[in-house]
Protein backbone atom coordinates (compact mmCIF):
# COMPACT_ATOMS: atom_id res chain seq x y z
CA MET A 1 -36.60 -13.67 58.38
CA ALA A 2 -33.59 -11.27 58.65
CA ALA A 3 -31.44 -13.93 60.14
CA LEU A 4 -32.02 -16.46 57.46
CA ALA A 5 -31.05 -14.16 54.90
CA ILE A 6 -27.86 -13.22 56.39
CA ILE A 7 -27.21 -17.04 56.94
CA LEU A 8 -27.79 -17.56 53.38
CA LEU A 9 -25.39 -14.58 52.37
CA ILE A 10 -22.72 -15.88 54.90
CA ILE A 11 -23.06 -19.56 53.41
CA GLY A 12 -23.02 -18.41 49.62
CA ALA A 13 -20.00 -16.57 50.13
CA VAL A 14 -18.54 -19.50 52.06
CA LEU A 15 -19.38 -21.60 48.50
CA LEU A 16 -18.41 -18.67 46.27
CA VAL A 17 -14.26 -18.34 47.69
CA PHE A 18 -14.30 -22.11 47.92
CA GLY A 19 -15.28 -22.67 44.37
CA LEU A 20 -12.94 -20.25 42.97
CA LEU A 21 -10.08 -21.86 45.06
CA VAL A 22 -10.44 -25.41 44.46
CA GLU A 23 -10.78 -25.76 40.62
CA ALA A 24 -12.40 -29.45 40.96
CA ALA A 25 -15.30 -28.18 42.91
CA LYS A 26 -16.41 -25.61 40.16
CA PHE A 27 -20.19 -26.29 40.99
CA LEU A 28 -19.68 -25.13 44.59
CA LEU A 29 -19.22 -21.32 42.60
CA TRP A 30 -22.59 -21.60 41.05
CA ILE A 31 -24.18 -22.97 44.34
CA GLY A 32 -22.84 -20.02 46.35
CA ILE A 33 -23.86 -17.69 43.77
CA VAL A 34 -27.22 -18.80 43.45
CA ILE A 35 -27.65 -18.81 47.65
CA ILE A 36 -26.09 -15.03 47.37
CA VAL A 37 -28.72 -13.93 44.70
CA VAL A 38 -31.64 -15.57 47.02
CA ALA A 39 -30.43 -14.01 50.22
CA ILE A 40 -30.31 -10.59 48.04
CA ILE A 41 -33.93 -11.14 47.10
CA ALA A 42 -35.24 -12.39 50.76
CA GLY A 43 -33.60 -9.18 52.16
CA LEU A 44 -34.98 -6.93 49.41
CA LEU A 45 -38.40 -8.29 49.76
CA ARG A 46 -37.69 -7.81 53.64
CA TYR A 47 -36.95 -4.22 53.11
CA ILE A 48 -40.14 -3.66 50.83
CA ARG A 49 -42.92 -5.21 53.14
CA ARG A 50 -41.17 -3.59 56.13
CA SER A 51 -41.77 0.18 54.25
CA SER A 52 -44.81 -0.49 52.98
């Protein structure tokens, strides 16, 4: 689960940067943001489950 969150975070960051650099690929910016949010939520759920 932790590896999945890290992979999603990396993919999201790459898509975010690529979406900012390429004006024609603005949808990649939104996909990157969504993937980063999903990765953060997955990390938070893992942290909450581990602490309880």
